[in-house]
Protein backbone atom coordinates (compact mmCIF):
# COMPACT_ATOMS: atom_id res chain seq x y z
CA ALA A 1 113.27 7.14 -89.14
CA ALA A 2 114.73 9.84 -87.01
CA VAL A 3 113.55 12.59 -89.39
CA GLU A 4 110.09 10.94 -89.45
CA ILE A 5 110.05 10.85 -85.56
CA GLN A 6 111.22 14.54 -85.32
CA ARG A 7 108.52 15.54 -87.78
CA VAL A 8 105.80 13.70 -85.89
CA TRP A 9 106.98 15.11 -82.65
CA ARG A 10 107.20 18.68 -83.97
CA GLY A 11 103.73 18.22 -85.44
CA PHE A 12 102.29 17.08 -82.13
CA LEU A 13 103.96 19.93 -80.29
CA ASP A 14 102.34 22.45 -82.97
CA ARG A 15 99.04 20.86 -82.49
CA VAL A 16 99.26 21.24 -78.68
CA GLU A 17 100.40 24.83 -78.87
CA ALA A 18 97.59 25.61 -81.68
CA MET A 19 95.13 23.89 -79.21
CA TYR A 20 96.34 26.09 -76.23
CA HIS A 21 96.04 29.20 -78.41
CA ILE A 22 92.44 28.25 -79.38
CA VAL A 23 91.56 27.72 -75.72
CA MET A 24 92.99 30.96 -74.86
CA VAL A 25 91.17 32.62 -77.59
CA PHE A 26 87.95 31.12 -76.29
CA ARG A 27 88.62 32.31 -72.77
CA ILE A 28 89.31 35.95 -74.01
CA GLN A 29 86.06 35.82 -76.19
CA SER A 30 84.13 34.50 -73.07
CA THR A 31 85.57 36.95 -70.84
CA ALA A 32 84.72 39.93 -73.30
CA ARG A 33 81.17 38.74 -73.83
CA MET A 34 80.85 38.37 -70.15
CA TYR A 35 82.31 42.00 -69.52
CA LEU A 36 79.95 43.38 -72.43
CA SER A 37 76.91 41.42 -71.12
CA MET A 38 77.48 42.85 -67.72
CA ARG A 39 77.76 46.38 -68.91
CA VAL A 40 74.51 45.83 -70.76
CA VAL A 41 72.83 44.30 -67.78
CA ARG A 42 74.20 47.27 -65.60
CA GLN A 43 72.95 49.69 -68.03
CA ARG A 44 69.54 48.08 -68.14
CA ARG A 45 69.24 47.73 -64.48
CA ARG A 46 70.14 51.43 -64.17
CA GLU A 47 67.45 52.26 -66.72
CA VAL A 48 64.96 50.03 -65.00
CA GLU A 49 65.71 51.73 -61.54
CA VAL A 50 65.45 55.11 -63.05
CA GLU A 51 62.13 54.08 -64.72
CA ASP A 52 61.01 52.60 -61.38
CA ARG A 53 61.97 55.61 -59.60
CA PHE A 54 60.14 57.89 -62.03
CA HIS A 55 57.02 55.65 -61.73
CA PHE A 56 57.20 55.82 -57.90
CA TYR A 57 57.60 59.50 -57.82
CA THR A 58 54.88 59.88 -60.42
CA ALA A 59 52.43 57.60 -58.30
CA ARG A 60 53.21 59.68 -55.22
CA LEU A 61 52.64 62.86 -56.90
CA ILE A 62 49.27 61.37 -58.36
CA GLN A 63 48.38 60.26 -54.83
CA ARG A 64 49.23 63.47 -53.25
CA THR A 65 47.40 65.39 -55.77
CA PHE A 66 44.29 63.21 -55.38
CA ARG A 67 44.48 63.33 -51.67
CA ALA A 68 44.77 67.21 -51.83
CA TYR A 69 41.80 67.03 -54.11
CA GLN A 70 39.77 64.88 -51.72
CA MET A 71 40.91 67.19 -48.76
CA LYS A 72 39.47 70.23 -50.87
CA LEU A 73 36.30 68.44 -51.39
CA ARG A 74 35.91 67.41 -47.67
CA LEU A 75 36.62 71.06 -46.63
CA GLU A 76 34.21 72.49 -49.07
CA GLU A 77 31.58 69.91 -47.80
CA ALA A 78 32.59 70.79 -44.12
CA VAL A 79 32.21 74.40 -44.90
CA CYS A 80 28.96 73.81 -46.44
CA THR A 81 27.74 71.85 -43.55
CA ILE A 82 28.79 74.63 -41.06
CA GLN A 83 27.17 77.27 -43.19
CA LYS A 84 23.92 75.12 -43.32
CA VAL A 85 24.02 74.45 -39.33
CA VAL A 86 24.81 78.31 -38.73
CA ARG A 87 22.21 79.48 -40.93
CA GLY A 88 19.63 76.94 -39.62
CA HIS A 89 20.50 78.05 -35.99
CA LEU A 90 20.16 81.77 -36.94
CA THR A 91 16.89 81.09 -38.72
CA ARG A 92 15.44 79.00 -35.79
CA ASN A 93 16.52 81.82 -33.38
CA GLN A 94 14.82 84.33 -35.74
CA VAL A 95 11.74 82.31 -35.94
CA ALA A 96 11.69 81.68 -32.12
CA LYS A 97 12.14 85.33 -31.66
CA TYR A 98 9.15 86.16 -33.80
CA GLY A 99 7.36 83.32 -32.35
CA ALA A 100 7.93 84.63 -28.86
CA SER A 101 6.81 88.07 -30.14
CA VAL A 102 3.74 86.63 -31.63
CA VAL A 103 2.93 84.66 -28.53
CA GLN A 104 3.44 87.89 -26.42
CA ILE A 105 1.09 89.74 -28.80
CA GLN A 106 -1.43 87.13 -28.50
CA ALA A 107 -1.23 87.03 -24.77
CA TYR A 108 -1.60 90.90 -24.72
CA ILE A 109 -4.64 90.66 -26.94
CA ARG A 110 -6.08 87.97 -24.92
CA ALA A 111 -5.52 89.71 -21.65
CA TYR A 112 -7.04 92.70 -23.05
CA ARG A 113 -10.06 90.72 -24.10
CA VAL A 114 -10.51 89.12 -20.77
CA ARG A 115 -10.01 92.50 -18.86
CA ARG A 116 -12.80 93.78 -21.00
CA THR A 117 -15.22 90.99 -20.45
CA ARG A 118 -14.26 89.93 -16.68
CA THR A 119 -16.91 90.38 -13.90
CA LYS A 120 -16.93 92.66 -11.04
CA LYS A 121 -15.68 89.77 -8.85
CA ALA A 122 -12.76 89.06 -11.08
CA LYS A 123 -11.88 92.78 -11.13
CA ALA A 124 -12.05 92.76 -7.23
CA ILE A 125 -9.80 89.82 -7.20
CA VAL A 126 -7.24 91.40 -9.38
CA VAL A 127 -7.28 94.54 -7.37
CA ARG A 128 -6.65 92.26 -4.28
CA ILE A 129 -3.82 90.45 -5.99
CA ALA A 130 -2.16 93.75 -7.11
CA ALA A 131 -2.44 95.17 -3.58
CA ALA A 132 -0.93 92.10 -2.03
CA ARG A 133 1.96 92.14 -4.59
CA GLN A 134 2.45 95.81 -3.56
CA ARG A 135 2.45 94.96 0.01
CA ALA A 136 5.04 92.24 -0.46
CA ILE A 137 7.29 94.59 -2.31
CA GLN A 138 7.05 97.24 0.53
CA ASN A 139 7.12 94.54 3.30
CA PRO A 140 9.66 91.71 2.45
CA GLY A 141 8.32 89.71 5.42
CA MET A 142 5.23 88.93 3.45
CA VAL A 143 7.23 87.03 0.89
CA LEU A 144 6.28 83.26 0.81
CA GLY A 145 9.66 82.24 1.38
CA VAL A 146 10.37 84.36 4.41
CA ARG A 147 6.83 83.35 5.82
CA THR A 148 7.88 79.74 5.55
CA GLN A 149 11.12 80.24 7.33
CA PHE A 150 9.17 82.14 10.08
CA ALA A 151 6.56 79.25 10.35
CA LEU A 152 9.27 76.49 10.56
CA LYS A 153 10.92 78.63 13.43
CA GLU A 154 7.73 78.87 15.23
CA LEU A 155 7.16 75.24 14.99
CA GLN A 156 10.43 74.65 16.45
CA THR A 157 10.26 77.29 19.45
CA SER A 158 6.45 78.06 20.08
CA GLN A 159 4.38 76.46 22.93
CA ARG A 160 1.30 78.52 22.03
CA LEU A 161 -1.64 76.75 20.29
CA THR A 162 -2.54 79.63 18.19
CA GLU A 163 0.86 80.33 16.94
CA ILE A 164 1.20 76.68 15.95
CA MET A 165 -1.94 76.76 14.21
CA GLU A 166 -0.85 79.88 12.17
CA ALA A 167 2.45 78.47 11.47
CA ALA A 168 0.74 75.10 10.06
CA LYS A 169 -1.51 77.15 8.05
CA ILE A 170 1.42 79.16 6.53
CA LEU A 171 3.30 75.88 5.84
CA GLU A 172 0.26 74.20 4.10
CA THR A 173 -0.02 77.28 1.77
CA SER A 174 3.59 77.63 1.06
CA THR A 175 4.28 74.15 0.29
CA ARG A 176 1.19 73.93 -1.84
CA LEU A 177 2.20 76.94 -3.98
CA SER A 178 6.19 76.62 -4.14
CA ARG A 179 8.38 73.81 -4.73
CA ASN A 180 11.39 75.81 -3.34
CA CYS A 181 9.21 76.02 -0.11
CA CYS A 182 8.91 72.23 -0.10
CA VAL A 183 12.76 71.77 -0.42
CA ALA A 184 13.37 74.22 2.26
CA PHE A 185 10.93 72.48 4.46
CA VAL A 186 12.73 69.07 3.95
CA ARG A 187 16.38 70.74 4.43
CA VAL A 188 15.71 71.89 7.80
CA GLY A 189 14.18 68.35 8.97
CA ALA A 190 10.64 69.72 9.32
CA PRO A 191 8.84 66.34 8.70
CA ASN A 192 10.37 65.07 11.97
CA ILE A 193 9.08 68.21 13.80
CA LEU A 194 5.67 67.85 12.44
CA TYR A 195 5.74 64.04 13.48
CA GLU A 196 6.41 64.91 16.85
CA LEU A 197 3.51 67.65 16.74
CA ILE A 198 1.20 64.97 15.62
CA GLY A 199 2.07 62.75 18.46
CA SER A 200 1.18 65.52 21.01
CA CYS A 201 -2.31 65.97 19.42
CA ASN A 202 -5.72 64.69 20.62
CA ARG A 203 -9.19 64.60 19.39
CA SER A 204 -10.16 68.14 20.44
CA LEU A 205 -11.32 70.33 17.66
CA PRO A 206 -8.34 72.77 17.67
CA HIS A 207 -5.97 69.82 17.62
CA ILE A 208 -7.99 68.25 14.66
CA GLU A 209 -7.74 71.48 12.79
CA ILE A 210 -3.93 71.52 13.48
CA LEU A 211 -3.68 67.94 12.36
CA ARG A 212 -5.51 68.75 9.05
CA TYR A 213 -3.17 71.58 8.16
CA VAL A 214 0.10 69.45 9.20
CA LEU A 215 -1.26 66.45 7.11
CA LEU A 216 -2.02 68.60 3.94
CA THR A 217 1.57 70.06 4.37
CA LEU A 218 3.08 66.64 4.33
CA GLN A 219 0.83 65.60 1.43
CA ASN A 220 2.04 68.56 -0.48
CA VAL A 221 5.69 67.74 0.14
CA ALA A 222 4.98 63.99 -0.64
CA SER A 223 3.67 65.04 -3.94
CA GLN A 224 7.13 65.96 -5.07
CA GLU A 225 8.65 62.50 -6.03
CA ASP A 226 12.24 63.49 -5.15
CA LEU A 227 11.06 64.69 -1.79
CA LEU A 228 8.96 61.40 -0.87
CA GLU A 229 11.96 59.73 0.63
CA ASP A 230 12.24 62.53 3.22
CA VAL A 231 8.68 62.24 4.34
CA ALA A 232 8.77 58.50 4.52
CA THR A 233 10.95 58.42 7.77
CA SER A 234 11.12 55.24 9.87
CA LYS A 235 8.25 56.43 12.28
CA SER A 236 6.00 57.93 9.72
CA ALA A 237 4.17 54.63 8.82
CA GLU A 238 3.14 53.97 12.54
CA ILE A 239 2.11 57.61 12.97
CA PHE A 240 -0.16 57.44 9.97
CA LEU A 241 -1.57 53.93 11.14
CA ASP A 242 -2.46 55.50 14.59
CA LEU A 243 -4.27 58.41 12.80
CA VAL A 244 -6.12 56.17 10.36
CA GLN A 245 -7.37 54.21 13.45
CA MET A 246 -7.97 57.07 15.90
CA PHE A 247 -9.64 59.50 13.30
CA ARG A 248 -11.63 57.16 11.02
CA ASP A 249 -14.87 59.09 11.91
CA LYS A 250 -13.03 62.49 11.08
CA GLN A 251 -12.96 62.53 7.36
CA GLU A 252 -10.62 65.70 7.05
CA VAL A 253 -7.94 63.77 8.89
CA PHE A 254 -8.70 60.16 7.97
CA GLY A 255 -8.50 60.59 4.24
CA VAL A 256 -5.19 62.50 4.11
CA ALA A 257 -3.50 60.36 6.63
CA LEU A 258 -4.66 57.29 4.55
CA SER A 259 -3.42 58.78 1.40
CA LEU A 260 -0.16 59.47 3.02
CA LEU A 261 0.14 55.88 4.48
CA SER A 262 -0.36 54.57 0.91
CA SER A 263 2.24 56.87 -0.58
CA VAL A 264 5.08 55.94 2.05
CA ALA A 265 4.22 52.23 1.98
CA ARG A 266 4.42 51.99 -1.80
CA HIS A 267 7.69 53.94 -1.84
CA ASN A 268 9.72 52.56 0.98
CA HIS A 269 10.13 48.77 1.24
CA ALA A 270 10.94 48.80 5.05
CA LEU A 271 7.67 50.62 5.69
CA MET A 272 5.84 48.46 3.41
CA ARG A 273 6.95 45.39 5.41
CA LEU A 274 5.97 47.24 8.60
CA CYS A 275 2.50 47.79 7.28
CA ALA A 276 2.31 44.07 6.13
CA LYS A 277 2.80 42.73 9.47
CA PRO A 278 -0.13 40.74 10.94
CA GLU A 279 -0.86 43.50 13.59
CA SER A 280 -0.86 46.28 11.11
CA MET A 281 -3.03 44.37 8.65
CA LYS A 282 -5.42 43.64 11.44
CA ARG A 283 -5.74 47.19 12.35
CA LEU A 284 -6.38 48.11 8.81
CA ASN A 285 -9.04 45.59 8.24
CA HIS A 286 -10.68 46.70 11.49
CA VAL A 287 -10.61 50.28 10.05
CA LEU A 288 -11.98 49.06 6.55
CA LYS A 289 -14.75 47.24 8.32
CA LYS A 290 -15.79 50.30 10.31
CA VAL A 291 -15.65 52.85 7.69
CA SER A 292 -17.12 50.63 4.79
CA ILE A 293 -20.49 51.94 3.55
CA THR A 294 -21.90 48.79 2.92
CA GLY A 295 -21.51 47.75 6.40
CA GLN A 296 -23.16 50.79 7.99
CA SER A 297 -26.74 51.65 8.45
CA ARG A 298 -28.50 54.85 7.02
CA GLN A 299 -28.00 56.49 10.39
CA ASP A 300 -24.33 55.96 10.41
CA ILE A 301 -24.11 57.07 6.90
CA SER A 302 -25.79 60.47 7.57
CA ARG A 303 -23.84 60.87 10.75
CA VAL A 304 -20.46 60.20 9.19
CA SER A 305 -20.89 61.63 5.75
CA ARG A 306 -22.35 65.15 6.65
CA GLY A 307 -23.12 65.91 3.16
CA ARG A 308 -22.42 64.82 -0.39
CA THR A 309 -19.03 66.08 -0.55
CA ALA A 310 -17.86 64.08 2.68
CA PHE A 311 -19.98 61.12 1.20
CA VAL A 312 -17.82 61.08 -1.84
CA GLN A 313 -14.51 61.64 0.06
CA GLN A 314 -15.36 58.63 2.19
CA LYS A 315 -16.03 56.41 -0.77
CA GLU A 316 -12.70 57.48 -2.13
CA SER A 317 -10.91 56.69 1.12
CA VAL A 318 -12.43 53.32 1.29
CA LYS A 319 -11.22 52.72 -2.43
CA ILE A 320 -7.73 53.67 -1.35
CA LEU A 321 -7.78 51.57 1.88
CA ARG A 322 -8.85 48.56 -0.06
CA SER A 323 -6.29 49.07 -2.70
CA LEU A 324 -3.49 49.43 -0.06
CA LEU A 325 -4.54 46.21 1.64
CA LYS A 326 -4.46 44.46 -1.68
CA PHE A 327 -0.89 45.85 -2.34
CA LEU A 328 0.18 44.81 1.08
CA LYS A 329 -1.14 41.28 0.70
CA GLN A 330 0.98 40.67 -2.39
């Protein structure tokens, strides 16, 4: 029995030791397989990283090359565009130069033909113009700008009627022919000077002549749209209203004053409100009734019109007055 117990016990111990060794073998094999797998995984990971890095650098190289190619295409296109623009500019300049030469040649030919066929009167006018130009070159005081400055100075300082008349004529001519003279006229405040001169005039023939030139001067300046504001001063509408009422039988003053009144009233809202007052409307309606051709007898027409030209001018003035009244009523 003791021997049997010993045998069973030693068998049990042997089996436990064998099981322990088997478990240890399994652990060693598992560790070895894990180590080998980790080596394989690390190696594969390095290979993948190398492959990814290669693809990345390859993609960057392709992108860089493609962008360089696109930039080259853009540069070539830009160069072609610049060349095209420059060639077009040079061609247009050359064509314009040739065109200017052709126009100049045509002008010379037309001038030559005109000179060959012009009348004696035209030849005399050309001679007078050349002589006037020569006198202006020799005497700078004859230049239009200098004469305008002299006329403005005369209006400010002179008290003699003849000098004022001459200055008014010079101003009318200069403002009719030169925009620069109109600008200089406005810059020195000449409209206010002329308004004061208008206020000192009466119905005598010399004063009517001065009024005609003064109003024509203001009309020339008012024809420049950017200078109309300087003509439409605060007292201009009242002055023109007085002239329209006082000189309704003097067409040379009445027509120009009415045209100026219409211009300043349409341009300046304050003056429009002034003209639209009941007193002003009453005055204008009274003037319209007096100058309207339909309300006059044949004797009045022959007395006021004084010829076909004045008759047409009076009809035009009546038309302007009616249009102004219609505008003010709105």
